């Protein structure tokens, strides 16, 4: 079951970023499914760690684009990525304890963050990149 659907409201019109966001959402949905299906903790953590690794890869890719095109809000956007990365790793440590409620809280945080980040922060970045001819 897909909890988050990558629909037109989340598409930014920058192919590379949209593909990354779609994949990221896939990992979120896989993680929710593992939790809802009561998969063993080690399987849940494996999926979750793939999601975390991909989040860091995605942040790096976005930051490289921002640097390449001299994005004026680079520092602020990167700061949000750094804050989120710190939050993700803090959650990861708490999840190792195996508390299902902590897992649900983490996934809700990540789902909410992604929706808001794409709809607001990344939308501004996409408008800037489109103006620079990136599609």
C-alpha atoms as a PDB file:
ATOM      1  CA  UNK A   1       0.000   0.000   0.000  1.00  0.00           C
ATOM      2  CA  UNK A   2       1.352   3.427  -0.901  1.00  0.00           C
ATOM      3  CA  UNK A   3       1.057   5.939   1.875  1.00  0.00           C
ATOM      4  CA  UNK A   4       2.588   8.740  -0.158  1.00  0.00           C
ATOM      5  CA  UNK A   5       1.765   9.085  -3.849  1.00  0.00           C
ATOM      6  CA  UNK A   6       4.140  10.952  -6.120  1.00  0.00           C
ATOM      7  CA  UNK A   7       1.492  12.938  -7.964  1.00  0.00           C
ATOM      8  CA  UNK A   8       1.527  16.209  -9.920  1.00  0.00           C
ATOM      9  CA  UNK A   9       1.439  18.248  -6.705  1.00  0.00           C
ATOM     10  CA  UNK A  10       4.912  16.924  -5.872  1.00  0.00           C
ATOM     11  CA  UNK A  11       6.435  17.152  -9.343  1.00  0.00           C
ATOM     12  CA  UNK A  12       8.737  20.106  -9.876  1.00  0.00           C
ATOM     13  CA  UNK A  13       9.460  19.785 -13.592  1.00  0.00           C
ATOM     14  CA  UNK A  14      13.181  19.110 -13.118  1.00  0.00           C
ATOM     15  CA  UNK A  15      13.631  15.535 -14.346  1.00  0.00           C
ATOM     16  CA  UNK A  16      16.577  14.545 -12.133  1.00  0.00           C
ATOM     17  CA  UNK A  17      15.008  15.945  -8.958  1.00  0.00           C
ATOM     18  CA  UNK A  18      11.570  14.492  -9.739  1.00  0.00           C
ATOM     19  CA  UNK A  19      13.110  11.044 -10.303  1.00  0.00           C
ATOM     20  CA  UNK A  20      14.975  11.286  -7.002  1.00  0.00           C
ATOM     21  CA  UNK A  21      11.870  12.412  -5.116  1.00  0.00           C
ATOM     22  CA  UNK A  22       9.866   9.556  -6.654  1.00  0.00           C
ATOM     23  CA  UNK A  23      12.493   7.023  -5.573  1.00  0.00           C
ATOM     24  CA  UNK A  24      12.692   8.592  -2.114  1.00  0.00           C
ATOM     25  CA  UNK A  25       8.907   8.272  -1.758  1.00  0.00           C
ATOM     26  CA  UNK A  26       9.192   4.645  -2.847  1.00  0.00           C
ATOM     27  CA  UNK A  27      11.581   4.008   0.031  1.00  0.00           C
ATOM     28  CA  UNK A  28       9.225   5.746   2.446  1.00  0.00           C
ATOM     29  CA  UNK A  29       6.342   3.561   1.255  1.00  0.00           C
ATOM     30  CA  UNK A  30       8.481   0.395   1.482  1.00  0.00           C
ATOM     31  CA  UNK A  31       9.401   1.319   5.050  1.00  0.00           C
ATOM     32  CA  UNK A  32       5.763   1.974   6.029  1.00  0.00           C
ATOM     33  CA  UNK A  33       4.793  -1.381   4.460  1.00  0.00           C
ATOM     34  CA  UNK A  34       7.502  -3.229   6.395  1.00  0.00           C
ATOM     35  CA  UNK A  35       6.298  -1.659   9.623  1.00  0.00           C
ATOM     36  CA  UNK A  36       2.595  -2.290   8.919  1.00  0.00           C
ATOM     37  CA  UNK A  37       3.256  -5.895   7.891  1.00  0.00           C
ATOM     38  CA  UNK A  38       5.144  -6.535  11.092  1.00  0.00           C
ATOM     39  CA  UNK A  39       8.328  -7.450   9.273  1.00  0.00           C
ATOM     40  CA  UNK A  40      11.193  -8.450  11.545  1.00  0.00           C
ATOM     41  CA  UNK A  41      13.089  -5.484  13.022  1.00  0.00           C
ATOM     42  CA  UNK A  42      16.261  -6.298  11.061  1.00  0.00           C
ATOM     43  CA  UNK A  43      14.360  -6.211   7.746  1.00  0.00           C
ATOM     44  CA  UNK A  44      12.642  -2.961   8.702  1.00  0.00           C
ATOM     45  CA  UNK A  45      15.992  -1.400   9.670  1.00  0.00           C
ATOM     46  CA  UNK A  46      17.581  -2.609   6.417  1.00  0.00           C
ATOM     47  CA  UNK A  47      14.918  -0.816   4.356  1.00  0.00           C
ATOM     48  CA  UNK A  48      15.125   2.214   6.609  1.00  0.00           C
ATOM     49  CA  UNK A  49      18.899   2.431   6.242  1.00  0.00           C
ATOM     50  CA  UNK A  50      18.573   2.264   2.445  1.00  0.00           C
ATOM     51  CA  UNK A  51      16.143   5.174   2.729  1.00  0.00           C
ATOM     52  CA  UNK A  52      18.590   7.143   4.895  1.00  0.00           C
ATOM     53  CA  UNK A  53      21.469   6.461   2.496  1.00  0.00           C
ATOM     54  CA  UNK A  54      19.348   7.629  -0.400  1.00  0.00           C
ATOM     55  CA  UNK A  55      18.321  10.782   1.459  1.00  0.00           C
ATOM     56  CA  UNK A  56      21.994  11.719   1.826  1.00  0.00           C
ATOM     57  CA  UNK A  57      22.611  10.938  -1.860  1.00  0.00           C
ATOM     58  CA  UNK A  58      19.638  13.098  -2.838  1.00  0.00           C
ATOM     59  CA  UNK A  59      20.777  16.006  -0.658  1.00  0.00           C
ATOM     60  CA  UNK A  60      24.227  15.862  -2.260  1.00  0.00           C
ATOM     61  CA  UNK A  61      22.759  15.838  -5.769  1.00  0.00           C
ATOM     62  CA  UNK A  62      20.530  18.839  -5.042  1.00  0.00           C
ATOM     63  CA  UNK A  63      23.404  20.719  -3.456  1.00  0.00           C
ATOM     64  CA  UNK A  64      25.632  20.040  -6.470  1.00  0.00           C
ATOM     65  CA  UNK A  65      22.953  21.514  -8.753  1.00  0.00           C
ATOM     66  CA  UNK A  66      22.616  24.543  -6.502  1.00  0.00           C
ATOM     67  CA  UNK A  67      26.374  25.122  -6.595  1.00  0.00           C
ATOM     68  CA  UNK A  68      26.614  24.552 -10.352  1.00  0.00           C
ATOM     69  CA  UNK A  69      23.959  27.199 -11.037  1.00  0.00           C
ATOM     70  CA  UNK A  70      25.003  29.542  -8.213  1.00  0.00           C
ATOM     71  CA  UNK A  71      21.687  29.309  -6.349  1.00  0.00           C
ATOM     72  CA  UNK A  72      21.401  32.406  -4.127  1.00  0.00           C
ATOM     73  CA  UNK A  73      19.663  30.533  -1.271  1.00  0.00           C
ATOM     74  CA  UNK A  74      22.226  27.714  -1.288  1.00  0.00           C
ATOM     75  CA  UNK A  75      23.373  28.232   2.309  1.00  0.00           C
ATOM     76  CA  UNK A  76      19.839  28.233   3.714  1.00  0.00           C
ATOM     77  CA  UNK A  77      18.753  25.218   1.649  1.00  0.00           C
ATOM     78  CA  UNK A  78      21.901  23.278   2.562  1.00  0.00           C
ATOM     79  CA  UNK A  79      21.296  24.242   6.195  1.00  0.00           C
ATOM     80  CA  UNK A  80      17.850  22.634   6.015  1.00  0.00           C
ATOM     81  CA  UNK A  81      19.409  19.499   4.531  1.00  0.00           C
ATOM     82  CA  UNK A  82      21.993  19.423   7.348  1.00  0.00           C
ATOM     83  CA  UNK A  83      19.294  19.877  10.006  1.00  0.00           C
ATOM     84  CA  UNK A  84      17.199  17.131   8.481  1.00  0.00           C
ATOM     85  CA  UNK A  85      20.195  14.792   8.191  1.00  0.00           C
ATOM     86  CA  UNK A  86      20.925  15.326  11.904  1.00  0.00           C
ATOM     87  CA  UNK A  87      17.273  14.597  12.757  1.00  0.00           C
ATOM     88  CA  UNK A  88      17.315  11.461  10.601  1.00  0.00           C
ATOM     89  CA  UNK A  89      20.410  10.070  12.246  1.00  0.00           C
ATOM     90  CA  UNK A  90      19.078  10.870  15.715  1.00  0.00           C
ATOM     91  CA  UNK A  91      15.910   8.943  14.858  1.00  0.00           C
ATOM     92  CA  UNK A  92      18.013   6.105  13.453  1.00  0.00           C
ATOM     93  CA  UNK A  93      19.754   5.710  16.801  1.00  0.00           C
ATOM     94  CA  UNK A  94      16.447   5.668  18.658  1.00  0.00           C
ATOM     95  CA  UNK A  95      15.030   3.111  16.236  1.00  0.00           C
ATOM     96  CA  UNK A  96      17.764   0.646  17.074  1.00  0.00           C
ATOM     97  CA  UNK A  97      15.944   0.182  20.373  1.00  0.00           C
ATOM     98  CA  UNK A  98      13.140  -1.494  18.402  1.00  0.00           C
ATOM     99  CA  UNK A  99      10.165   0.528  19.628  1.00  0.00           C
ATOM    100  CA  UNK A 100       7.386   0.344  16.965  1.00  0.00           C
ATOM    101  CA  UNK A 101       5.914   3.666  18.131  1.00  0.00           C
ATOM    102  CA  UNK A 102       9.281   5.337  17.585  1.00  0.00           C
ATOM    103  CA  UNK A 103       9.325   3.812  14.091  1.00  0.00           C
ATOM    104  CA  UNK A 104       5.914   5.241  13.304  1.00  0.00           C
ATOM    105  CA  UNK A 105       6.912   8.653  14.653  1.00  0.00           C
ATOM    106  CA  UNK A 106      10.033   8.595  12.510  1.00  0.00           C
ATOM    107  CA  UNK A 107       8.141   7.692   9.361  1.00  0.00           C
ATOM    108  CA  UNK A 108       5.500  10.328  10.024  1.00  0.00           C
ATOM    109  CA  UNK A 109       8.251  12.919  10.516  1.00  0.00           C
ATOM    110  CA  UNK A 110       9.920  11.892   7.274  1.00  0.00           C
ATOM    111  CA  UNK A 111       6.669  11.833   5.293  1.00  0.00           C
ATOM    112  CA  UNK A 112       5.632  15.262   6.575  1.00  0.00           C
ATOM    113  CA  UNK A 113       9.098  16.703   6.028  1.00  0.00           C
ATOM    114  CA  UNK A 114       9.298  15.411   2.459  1.00  0.00           C
ATOM    115  CA  UNK A 115       5.876  16.753   1.526  1.00  0.00           C
ATOM    116  CA  UNK A 116       6.655  20.185   2.949  1.00  0.00           C
ATOM    117  CA  UNK A 117      10.214  20.314   1.645  1.00  0.00           C
ATOM    118  CA  UNK A 118       9.163  19.464  -1.917  1.00  0.00           C
ATOM    119  CA  UNK A 119       6.129  21.750  -1.946  1.00  0.00           C
ATOM    120  CA  UNK A 120       7.936  24.811  -0.630  1.00  0.00           C
ATOM    121  CA  UNK A 121      11.742  24.760  -0.424  1.00  0.00           C
ATOM    122  CA  UNK A 122      12.383  22.593  -3.488  1.00  0.00           C
ATOM    123  CA  UNK A 123       9.690  24.382  -5.500  1.00  0.00           C
ATOM    124  CA  UNK A 124      11.677  27.618  -5.102  1.00  0.00           C
ATOM    125  CA  UNK A 125      14.848  25.827  -6.195  1.00  0.00           C
ATOM    126  CA  UNK A 126      13.064  24.324  -9.206  1.00  0.00           C
ATOM    127  CA  UNK A 127      11.772  27.733 -10.329  1.00  0.00           C
ATOM    128  CA  UNK A 128      15.318  29.093 -10.143  1.00  0.00           C
ATOM    129  CA  UNK A 129      16.760  26.125 -12.063  1.00  0.00           C
ATOM    130  CA  UNK A 130      14.077  26.335 -14.754  1.00  0.00           C
ATOM    131  CA  UNK A 131      14.930  30.015 -15.186  1.00  0.00           C
ATOM    132  CA  UNK A 132      18.519  28.866 -15.769  1.00  0.00           C
ATOM    133  CA  UNK A 133      17.342  26.432 -18.459  1.00  0.00           C
ATOM    134  CA  UNK A 134      17.425  23.219 -16.425  1.00  0.00           C
ATOM    135  CA  UNK A 135      14.592  20.817 -17.107  1.00  0.00           C
END
